[in-house]
Amino acid sequence: MASTDKLILKLKNRSLKKAELETLFERLGFKKLRGKGSHEVWGKKEVQDLHFVIATHSKEIPSYQLKQIENSLTKRGLL
């Protein structure tokens, strides 16, 4: 399993797979809040306005979505 620093680097390079993103979320203190159909919602219960919706029907996360996740985590000081 990759270190947190390597996962963050892969996020910044937009080459993170779904399983790696889930691992990164868990290491940053996020939990899967709910999953229904082909999507999962990840967030922190302490932070009501920060959550991410991830599609489960693909192992690939679109690069635009990885960029949005990176920007949100950076803005919050989590990266």
PDB file of N, CA and C in Angstrom:
ATOM      1  N   MET A   1       0.838  -1.177   0.000  1.00  0.00           N
ATOM      2  CA  MET A   1       0.000   0.000   0.000  1.00  0.00           C
ATOM      3  C   MET A   1       0.885   1.243   0.000  1.00  0.00           C
ATOM      4  N   ALA A   2       0.498   2.216  -0.761  1.00  0.00           N
ATOM      5  CA  ALA A   2       1.303   3.428  -0.919  1.00  0.00           C
ATOM      6  C   ALA A   2       1.182   4.334   0.304  1.00  0.00           C
ATOM      7  N   SER A   3       2.226   5.119   0.520  1.00  0.00           N
ATOM      8  CA  SER A   3       2.200   6.068   1.625  1.00  0.00           C
ATOM      9  C   SER A   3       1.244   7.217   1.285  1.00  0.00           C
ATOM     10  N   THR A   4       0.855   7.951   2.298  1.00  0.00           N
ATOM     11  CA  THR A   4      -0.047   9.079   2.107  1.00  0.00           C
ATOM     12  C   THR A   4       0.574  10.117   1.182  1.00  0.00           C
ATOM     13  N   ASP A   5       1.875  10.367   1.336  1.00  0.00           N
ATOM     14  CA  ASP A   5       2.545  11.341   0.473  1.00  0.00           C
ATOM     15  C   ASP A   5       2.495  10.922  -0.999  1.00  0.00           C
ATOM     16  N   LYS A   6       2.677   9.628  -1.251  1.00  0.00           N
ATOM     17  CA  LYS A   6       2.615   9.145  -2.633  1.00  0.00           C
ATOM     18  C   LYS A   6       1.203   9.277  -3.191  1.00  0.00           C
ATOM     19  N   LEU A   7       0.196   9.030  -2.360  1.00  0.00           N
ATOM     20  CA  LEU A   7      -1.185   9.168  -2.822  1.00  0.00           C
ATOM     21  C   LEU A   7      -1.512  10.629  -3.131  1.00  0.00           C
ATOM     22  N   ILE A   8      -1.011  11.539  -2.305  1.00  0.00           N
ATOM     23  CA  ILE A   8      -1.231  12.965  -2.557  1.00  0.00           C
ATOM     24  C   ILE A   8      -0.542  13.382  -3.852  1.00  0.00           C
ATOM     25  N   LEU A   9       0.662  12.884  -4.084  1.00  0.00           N
ATOM     26  CA  LEU A   9       1.371  13.181  -5.329  1.00  0.00           C
ATOM     27  C   LEU A   9       0.603  12.648  -6.537  1.00  0.00           C
ATOM     28  N   LYS A  10       0.053  11.444  -6.427  1.00  0.00           N
ATOM     29  CA  LYS A  10      -0.738  10.892  -7.523  1.00  0.00           C
ATOM     30  C   LYS A  10      -2.011  11.705  -7.744  1.00  0.00           C
ATOM     31  N   LEU A  11      -2.593  12.223  -6.671  1.00  0.00           N
ATOM     32  CA  LEU A  11      -3.771  13.088  -6.807  1.00  0.00           C
ATOM     33  C   LEU A  11      -3.393  14.342  -7.577  1.00  0.00           C
ATOM     34  N   LYS A  12      -2.263  14.942  -7.239  1.00  0.00           N
ATOM     35  CA  LYS A  12      -1.824  16.157  -7.913  1.00  0.00           C
ATOM     36  C   LYS A  12      -1.469  15.900  -9.371  1.00  0.00           C
ATOM     37  N   ASN A  13      -1.013  14.679  -9.679  1.00  0.00           N
ATOM     38  CA  ASN A  13      -0.684  14.313 -11.063  1.00  0.00           C
ATOM     39  C   ASN A  13      -1.892  13.785 -11.826  1.00  0.00           C
ATOM     40  N   ARG A  14      -3.034  13.746 -11.155  1.00  0.00           N
ATOM     41  CA  ARG A  14      -4.300  13.266 -11.747  1.00  0.00           C
ATOM     42  C   ARG A  14      -4.211  11.808 -12.206  1.00  0.00           C
ATOM     43  N   SER A  15      -3.500  10.976 -11.453  1.00  0.00           N
ATOM     44  CA  SER A  15      -3.364   9.572 -11.847  1.00  0.00           C
ATOM     45  C   SER A  15      -3.824   8.629 -10.737  1.00  0.00           C
ATOM     46  N   LEU A  16      -4.738   9.080  -9.902  1.00  0.00           N
ATOM     47  CA  LEU A  16      -5.221   8.301  -8.776  1.00  0.00           C
ATOM     48  C   LEU A  16      -6.385   7.419  -9.207  1.00  0.00           C
ATOM     49  N   LYS A  17      -6.355   6.155  -8.839  1.00  0.00           N
ATOM     50  CA  LYS A  17      -7.448   5.224  -9.114  1.00  0.00           C
ATOM     51  C   LYS A  17      -8.472   5.317  -7.984  1.00  0.00           C
ATOM     52  N   LYS A  18      -9.649   4.753  -8.204  1.00  0.00           N
ATOM     53  CA  LYS A  18     -10.727   4.833  -7.224  1.00  0.00           C
ATOM     54  C   LYS A  18     -10.319   4.230  -5.882  1.00  0.00           C
ATOM     55  N   ALA A  19      -9.715   3.057  -5.880  1.00  0.00           N
ATOM     56  CA  ALA A  19      -9.308   2.408  -4.633  1.00  0.00           C
ATOM     57  C   ALA A  19      -8.268   3.234  -3.889  1.00  0.00           C
ATOM     58  N   GLU A  20      -7.367   3.864  -4.628  1.00  0.00           N
ATOM     59  CA  GLU A  20      -6.351   4.718  -4.008  1.00  0.00           C
ATOM     60  C   GLU A  20      -6.992   5.978  -3.421  1.00  0.00           C
ATOM     61  N   LEU A  21      -7.986   6.518  -4.119  1.00  0.00           N
ATOM     62  CA  LEU A  21      -8.683   7.692  -3.607  1.00  0.00           C
ATOM     63  C   LEU A  21      -9.405   7.357  -2.308  1.00  0.00           C
ATOM     64  N   GLU A  22     -10.028   6.189  -2.254  1.00  0.00           N
ATOM     65  CA  GLU A  22     -10.694   5.759  -1.026  1.00  0.00           C
ATOM     66  C   GLU A  22      -9.689   5.632   0.115  1.00  0.00           C
ATOM     67  N   THR A  23      -8.512   5.083  -0.162  1.00  0.00           N
ATOM     68  CA  THR A  23      -7.465   4.959   0.852  1.00  0.00           C
ATOM     69  C   THR A  23      -7.022   6.336   1.329  1.00  0.00           C
ATOM     70  N   LEU A  24      -6.841   7.275   0.401  1.00  0.00           N
ATOM     71  CA  LEU A  24      -6.442   8.628   0.768  1.00  0.00           C
ATOM     72  C   LEU A  24      -7.508   9.285   1.633  1.00  0.00           C
ATOM     73  N   PHE A  25      -8.777   9.152   1.236  1.00  0.00           N
ATOM     74  CA  PHE A  25      -9.862   9.711   2.039  1.00  0.00           C
ATOM     75  C   PHE A  25      -9.832   9.168   3.460  1.00  0.00           C
ATOM     76  N   GLU A  26      -9.672   7.844   3.594  1.00  0.00           N
ATOM     77  CA  GLU A  26      -9.642   7.231   4.920  1.00  0.00           C
ATOM     78  C   GLU A  26      -8.476   7.754   5.749  1.00  0.00           C
ATOM     79  N   ARG A  27      -7.321   7.921   5.127  1.00  0.00           N
ATOM     80  CA  ARG A  27      -6.146   8.425   5.848  1.00  0.00           C
ATOM     81  C   ARG A  27      -6.299   9.883   6.254  1.00  0.00           C
ATOM     82  N   LEU A  28      -7.128  10.632   5.521  1.00  0.00           N
ATOM     83  CA  LEU A  28      -7.376  12.030   5.863  1.00  0.00           C
ATOM     84  C   LEU A  28      -8.548  12.186   6.831  1.00  0.00           C
ATOM     85  N   GLY A  29      -9.120  11.068   7.266  1.00  0.00           N
ATOM     86  CA  GLY A  29     -10.196  11.109   8.246  1.00  0.00           C
ATOM     87  C   GLY A  29     -11.599  11.136   7.678  1.00  0.00           C
ATOM     88  N   PHE A  30     -11.743  10.903   6.382  1.00  0.00           N
ATOM     89  CA  PHE A  30     -13.061  10.852   5.760  1.00  0.00           C
ATOM     90  C   PHE A  30     -13.638   9.451   5.916  1.00  0.00           C
ATOM     91  N   LYS A  31     -14.955   9.388   5.870  1.00  0.00           N
ATOM     92  CA  LYS A  31     -15.656   8.102   5.907  1.00  0.00           C
ATOM     93  C   LYS A  31     -16.697   8.086   4.801  1.00  0.00           C
ATOM     94  N   LYS A  32     -17.024   6.872   4.379  1.00  0.00           N
ATOM     95  CA  LYS A  32     -18.101   6.754   3.401  1.00  0.00           C
ATOM     96  C   LYS A  32     -19.404   6.983   4.153  1.00  0.00           C
ATOM     97  N   LEU A  33     -20.084   8.083   3.851  1.00  0.00           N
ATOM     98  CA  LEU A  33     -21.302   8.449   4.560  1.00  0.00           C
ATOM     99  C   LEU A  33     -22.499   7.652   4.057  1.00  0.00           C
ATOM    100  N   ARG A  34     -22.548   7.443   2.770  1.00  0.00           N
ATOM    101  CA  ARG A  34     -23.628   6.637   2.199  1.00  0.00           C
ATOM    102  C   ARG A  34     -23.251   6.243   0.774  1.00  0.00           C
ATOM    103  N   GLY A  35     -23.898   5.227   0.312  1.00  0.00           N
ATOM    104  CA  GLY A  35     -23.706   4.780  -1.055  1.00  0.00           C
ATOM    105  C   GLY A  35     -25.027   4.248  -1.568  1.00  0.00           C
ATOM    106  N   LYS A  36     -25.408   4.698  -2.721  1.00  0.00           N
ATOM    107  CA  LYS A  36     -26.663   4.246  -3.291  1.00  0.00           C
ATOM    108  C   LYS A  36     -26.487   4.180  -4.795  1.00  0.00           C
ATOM    109  N   GLY A  37     -26.879   3.078  -5.360  1.00  0.00           N
ATOM    110  CA  GLY A  37     -26.743   2.942  -6.797  1.00  0.00           C
ATOM    111  C   GLY A  37     -25.288   2.937  -7.209  1.00  0.00           C
ATOM    112  N   SER A  38     -24.936   3.818  -8.112  1.00  0.00           N
ATOM    113  CA  SER A  38     -23.583   3.818  -8.648  1.00  0.00           C
ATOM    114  C   SER A  38     -22.718   4.946  -8.089  1.00  0.00           C
ATOM    115  N   HIS A  39     -23.097   5.515  -6.937  1.00  0.00           N
ATOM    116  CA  HIS A  39     -22.330   6.605  -6.350  1.00  0.00           C
ATOM    117  C   HIS A  39     -22.156   6.423  -4.850  1.00  0.00           C
ATOM    118  N   GLU A  40     -21.036   6.926  -4.347  1.00  0.00           N
ATOM    119  CA  GLU A  40     -20.757   6.936  -2.914  1.00  0.00           C
ATOM    120  C   GLU A  40     -20.502   8.378  -2.496  1.00  0.00           C
ATOM    121  N   VAL A  41     -20.892   8.700  -1.275  1.00  0.00           N
ATOM    122  CA  VAL A  41     -20.644  10.039  -0.731  1.00  0.00           C
ATOM    123  C   VAL A  41     -19.642   9.886   0.396  1.00  0.00           C
ATOM    124  N   TRP A  42     -18.527  10.597   0.278  1.00  0.00           N
ATOM    125  CA  TRP A  42     -17.470  10.603   1.280  1.00  0.00           C
ATOM    126  C   TRP A  42     -17.432  11.967   1.944  1.00  0.00           C
ATOM    127  N   GLY A  43     -17.253  11.975   3.250  1.00  0.00           N
ATOM    128  CA  GLY A  43     -17.165  13.245   3.956  1.00  0.00           C
ATOM    129  C   GLY A  43     -16.754  13.046   5.396  1.00  0.00           C
ATOM    130  N   LYS A  44     -16.755  14.152   6.113  1.00  0.00           N
ATOM    131  CA  LYS A  44     -16.481  14.156   7.546  1.00  0.00           C
ATOM    132  C   LYS A  44     -17.729  14.677   8.233  1.00  0.00           C
ATOM    133  N   LYS A  45     -18.202  13.954   9.225  1.00  0.00           N
ATOM    134  CA  LYS A  45     -19.413  14.389   9.912  1.00  0.00           C
ATOM    135  C   LYS A  45     -19.205  15.710  10.636  1.00  0.00           C
ATOM    136  N   GLU A  46     -17.956  15.992  11.043  1.00  0.00           N
ATOM    137  CA  GLU A  46     -17.662  17.247  11.747  1.00  0.00           C
ATOM    138  C   GLU A  46     -17.725  18.444  10.805  1.00  0.00           C
ATOM    139  N   VAL A  47     -17.515  18.215   9.523  1.00  0.00           N
ATOM    140  CA  VAL A  47     -17.496  19.299   8.525  1.00  0.00           C
ATOM    141  C   VAL A  47     -18.688  19.085   7.600  1.00  0.00           C
ATOM    142  N   GLN A  48     -19.773  19.795   7.874  1.00  0.00           N
ATOM    143  CA  GLN A  48     -21.026  19.565   7.159  1.00  0.00           C
ATOM    144  C   GLN A  48     -20.976  19.942   5.682  1.00  0.00           C
ATOM    145  N   ASP A  49     -20.178  20.929   5.323  1.00  0.00           N
ATOM    146  CA  ASP A  49     -20.214  21.432   3.948  1.00  0.00           C
ATOM    147  C   ASP A  49     -19.084  20.883   3.069  1.00  0.00           C
ATOM    148  N   LEU A  50     -18.423  19.822   3.495  1.00  0.00           N
ATOM    149  CA  LEU A  50     -17.359  19.227   2.686  1.00  0.00           C
ATOM    150  C   LEU A  50     -17.658  17.749   2.479  1.00  0.00           C
ATOM    151  N   HIS A  51     -18.059  17.398   1.265  1.00  0.00           N
ATOM    152  CA  HIS A  51     -18.275  15.995   0.917  1.00  0.00           C
ATOM    153  C   HIS A  51     -17.993  15.820  -0.576  1.00  0.00           C
ATOM    154  N   PHE A  52     -17.708  14.577  -0.928  1.00  0.00           N
ATOM    155  CA  PHE A  52     -17.376  14.252  -2.312  1.00  0.00           C
ATOM    156  C   PHE A  52     -18.252  13.100  -2.781  1.00  0.00           C
ATOM    157  N   VAL A  53     -18.782  13.211  -3.994  1.00  0.00           N
ATOM    158  CA  VAL A  53     -19.586  12.152  -4.598  1.00  0.00           C
ATOM    159  C   VAL A  53     -18.715  11.477  -5.647  1.00  0.00           C
ATOM    160  N   ILE A  54     -18.492  10.178  -5.450  1.00  0.00           N
ATOM    161  CA  ILE A  54     -17.615   9.411  -6.332  1.00  0.00           C
ATOM    162  C   ILE A  54     -18.430   8.313  -7.018  1.00  0.00           C
ATOM    163  N   ALA A  55     -18.284   8.186  -8.319  1.00  0.00           N
ATOM    164  CA  ALA A  55     -18.959   7.130  -9.068  1.00  0.00           C
ATOM    165  C   ALA A  55     -18.298   5.793  -8.780  1.00  0.00           C
ATOM    166  N   THR A  56     -19.106   4.758  -8.587  1.00  0.00           N
ATOM    167  CA  THR A  56     -18.568   3.436  -8.275  1.00  0.00           C
ATOM    168  C   THR A  56     -18.545   2.509  -9.479  1.00  0.00           C
ATOM    169  N   HIS A  57     -19.077   2.937 -10.587  1.00  0.00           N
ATOM    170  CA  HIS A  57     -19.167   2.060 -11.750  1.00  0.00           C
ATOM    171  C   HIS A  57     -17.895   2.043 -12.597  1.00  0.00           C
ATOM    172  N   SER A  58     -16.874   2.754 -12.168  1.00  0.00           N
ATOM    173  CA  SER A  58     -15.619   2.792 -12.912  1.00  0.00           C
ATOM    174  C   SER A  58     -14.449   2.828 -11.945  1.00  0.00           C
ATOM    175  N   LYS A  59     -13.329   2.238 -12.343  1.00  0.00           N
ATOM    176  CA  LYS A  59     -12.122   2.299 -11.529  1.00  0.00           C
ATOM    177  C   LYS A  59     -11.358   3.590 -11.777  1.00  0.00           C
ATOM    178  N   GLU A  60     -11.693   4.279 -12.857  1.00  0.00           N
ATOM    179  CA  GLU A  60     -11.030   5.527 -13.225  1.00  0.00           C
ATOM    180  C   GLU A  60     -11.832   6.716 -12.705  1.00  0.00           C
ATOM    181  N   ILE A  61     -11.136   7.653 -12.105  1.00  0.00           N
ATOM    182  CA  ILE A  61     -11.755   8.906 -11.667  1.00  0.00           C
ATOM    183  C   ILE A  61     -11.364   9.961 -12.696  1.00  0.00           C
ATOM    184  N   PRO A  62     -12.331  10.696 -13.249  1.00  0.00           N
ATOM    185  CA  PRO A  62     -11.997  11.713 -14.255  1.00  0.00           C
ATOM    186  C   PRO A  62     -11.032  12.757 -13.694  1.00  0.00           C
ATOM    187  N   SER A  63     -10.133  13.233 -14.535  1.00  0.00           N
ATOM    188  CA  SER A  63      -9.110  14.170 -14.082  1.00  0.00           C
ATOM    189  C   SER A  63      -9.718  15.475 -13.568  1.00  0.00           C
ATOM    190  N   TYR A  64     -10.840  15.930 -14.152  1.00  0.00           N
ATOM    191  CA  TYR A  64     -11.458  17.155 -13.667  1.00  0.00           C
ATOM    192  C   TYR A  64     -11.952  16.972 -12.227  1.00  0.00           C
ATOM    193  N   GLN A  65     -12.434  15.761 -11.907  1.00  0.00           N
ATOM    194  CA  GLN A  65     -12.920  15.507 -10.559  1.00  0.00           C
ATOM    195  C   GLN A  65     -11.758  15.432  -9.562  1.00  0.00           C
ATOM    196  N   LEU A  66     -10.639  14.845  -9.985  1.00  0.00           N
ATOM    197  CA  LEU A  66      -9.456  14.813  -9.123  1.00  0.00           C
ATOM    198  C   LEU A  66      -8.956  16.229  -8.852  1.00  0.00           C
ATOM    199  N   LYS A  67      -9.031  17.100  -9.865  1.00  0.00           N
ATOM    200  CA  LYS A  67      -8.614  18.486  -9.675  1.00  0.00           C
ATOM    201  C   LYS A  67      -9.534  19.197  -8.685  1.00  0.00           C
ATOM    202  N   GLN A  68     -10.838  18.956  -8.783  1.00  0.00           N
ATOM    203  CA  GLN A  68     -11.791  19.556  -7.846  1.00  0.00           C
ATOM    204  C   GLN A  68     -11.534  19.065  -6.422  1.00  0.00           C
ATOM    205  N   ILE A  69     -11.253  17.784  -6.266  1.00  0.00           N
ATOM    206  CA  ILE A  69     -10.968  17.221  -4.949  1.00  0.00           C
ATOM    207  C   ILE A  69      -9.698  17.842  -4.387  1.00  0.00           C
ATOM    208  N   GLU A  70      -8.657  17.913  -5.213  1.00  0.00           N
ATOM    209  CA  GLU A  70      -7.398  18.522  -4.765  1.00  0.00           C
ATOM    210  C   GLU A  70      -7.609  19.971  -4.328  1.00  0.00           C
ATOM    211  N   ASN A  71      -8.325  20.742  -5.134  1.00  0.00           N
ATOM    212  CA  ASN A  71      -8.571  22.152  -4.798  1.00  0.00           C
ATOM    213  C   ASN A  71      -9.345  22.294  -3.491  1.00  0.00           C
ATOM    214  N   SER A  72     -10.355  21.458  -3.296  1.00  0.00           N
ATOM    215  CA  SER A  72     -11.156  21.518  -2.075  1.00  0.00           C
ATOM    216  C   SER A  72     -10.336  21.150  -0.846  1.00  0.00           C
ATOM    217  N   LEU A  73      -9.532  20.102  -0.961  1.00  0.00           N
ATOM    218  CA  LEU A  73      -8.706  19.661   0.174  1.00  0.00           C
ATOM    219  C   LEU A  73      -7.615  20.688   0.478  1.00  0.00           C
ATOM    220  N   THR A  74      -7.041  21.289  -0.555  1.00  0.00           N
ATOM    221  CA  THR A  74      -6.008  22.294  -0.353  1.00  0.00           C
ATOM    222  C   THR A  74      -6.594  23.536   0.301  1.00  0.00           C
ATOM    223  N   LYS A  75      -7.749  23.953  -0.153  1.00  0.00           N
ATOM    224  CA  LYS A  75      -8.419  25.139   0.393  1.00  0.00           C
ATOM    225  C   LYS A  75      -8.713  24.954   1.884  1.00  0.00           C
ATOM    226  N   ARG A  76      -9.029  23.727   2.287  1.00  0.00           N
ATOM    227  CA  ARG A  76      -9.326  23.427   3.686  1.00  0.00           C
ATOM    228  C   ARG A  76      -8.073  23.149   4.518  1.00  0.00           C
ATOM    229  N   GLY A  77      -6.913  23.119   3.861  1.00  0.00           N
ATOM    230  CA  GLY A  77      -5.672  22.851   4.575  1.00  0.00           C
ATOM    231  C   GLY A  77      -5.481  21.377   4.923  1.00  0.00           C
ATOM    232  N   LEU A  78      -6.143  20.497   4.186  1.00  0.00           N
ATOM    233  CA  LEU A  78      -6.035  19.065   4.456  1.00  0.00           C
ATOM    234  C   LEU A  78      -4.932  18.389   3.660  1.00  0.00           C
ATOM    235  N   LEU A  79      -4.355  19.089   2.690  1.00  0.00           N
ATOM    236  CA  LEU A  79      -3.231  18.541   1.920  1.00  0.00           C
ATOM    237  C   LEU A  79      -1.974  19.317   2.251  1.00  0.00           C
TER     238      LEU A  79
END
